[in-house]
C-alpha atoms as a PDB file:
ATOM      1  CA  SER A   1      32.185  62.906 391.652  1.00  0.00           C
ATOM      2  CA  GLN A   2      30.742  60.003 389.650  1.00  0.00           C
ATOM      3  CA  ALA A   3      27.159  61.733 389.474  1.00  0.00           C
ATOM      4  CA  ALA A   4      28.885  64.770 388.642  1.00  0.00           C
ATOM      5  CA  GLU A   5      31.042  63.677 385.645  1.00  0.00           C
ATOM      6  CA  ASN A   6      27.820  61.336 384.438  1.00  0.00           C
ATOM      7  CA  LYS A   7      25.924  64.801 384.436  1.00  0.00           C
ATOM      8  CA  ARG A   8      28.416  66.172 382.399  1.00  0.00           C
ATOM      9  CA  THR A   9      28.698  64.181 380.011  1.00  0.00           C
ATOM     10  CA  SER A  10      24.809  63.060 379.434  1.00  0.00           C
ATOM     11  CA  GLY A  11      25.141  67.169 379.387  1.00  0.00           C
ATOM     12  CA  GLY A  12      27.916  67.137 376.722  1.00  0.00           C
ATOM     13  CA  ARG A  13      25.713  64.721 374.787  1.00  0.00           C
ATOM     14  CA  LYS A  14      22.732  66.298 374.703  1.00  0.00           C
ATOM     15  CA  ALA A  15      24.498  69.738 373.658  1.00  0.00           C
ATOM     16  CA  GLU A  16      25.984  67.444 370.671  1.00  0.00           C
ATOM     17  CA  GLU A  17      22.715  66.397 369.655  1.00  0.00           C
ATOM     18  CA  ALA A  18      21.053  69.405 370.140  1.00  0.00           C
ATOM     19  CA  ALA A  19      24.057  70.849 367.771  1.00  0.00           C
ATOM     20  CA  ARG A  20      23.444  67.907 365.452  1.00  0.00           C
ATOM     21  CA  GLY A  21      19.311  68.693 365.057  1.00  0.00           C
ATOM     22  CA  GLN A  22      20.346  72.248 364.252  1.00  0.00           C
ATOM     23  CA  GLU A  23      22.440  71.538 361.348  1.00  0.00           C
ATOM     24  CA  LYS A  24      19.992  68.778 360.252  1.00  0.00           C
ATOM     25  CA  LEU A  25      17.452  71.937 360.263  1.00  0.00           C
ATOM     26  CA  GLU A  26      19.721  74.261 358.537  1.00  0.00           C
ATOM     27  CA  VAL A  27      20.760  71.685 355.713  1.00  0.00           C
ATOM     28  CA  GLY A  28      16.874  70.807 355.547  1.00  0.00           C
ATOM     29  CA  CYS A  29      16.213  75.023 355.031  1.00  0.00           C
ATOM     30  CA  ARG A  30      18.705  75.244 352.710  1.00  0.00           C
ATOM     31  CA  ARG A  31      17.395  72.063 350.457  1.00  0.00           C
ATOM     32  CA  ASN A  32      13.743  73.768 350.823  1.00  0.00           C
ATOM     33  CA  ARG A  33      15.141  77.096 349.642  1.00  0.00           C
ATOM     34  CA  ASP A  34      17.065  75.311 346.562  1.00  0.00           C
ATOM     35  CA  VAL A  35      13.721  73.858 345.362  1.00  0.00           C
ATOM     36  CA  GLN A  36      11.711  76.596 345.361  1.00  0.00           C
END
């Protein structure tokens, strides 16, 4: 049960990091568009 719980939390953390990275990419693209 502990291993399953660890897997769930690490998977959630990865998803969170991916979402954060996606946000950063979108913000960066928007900034580039504003500059041009």
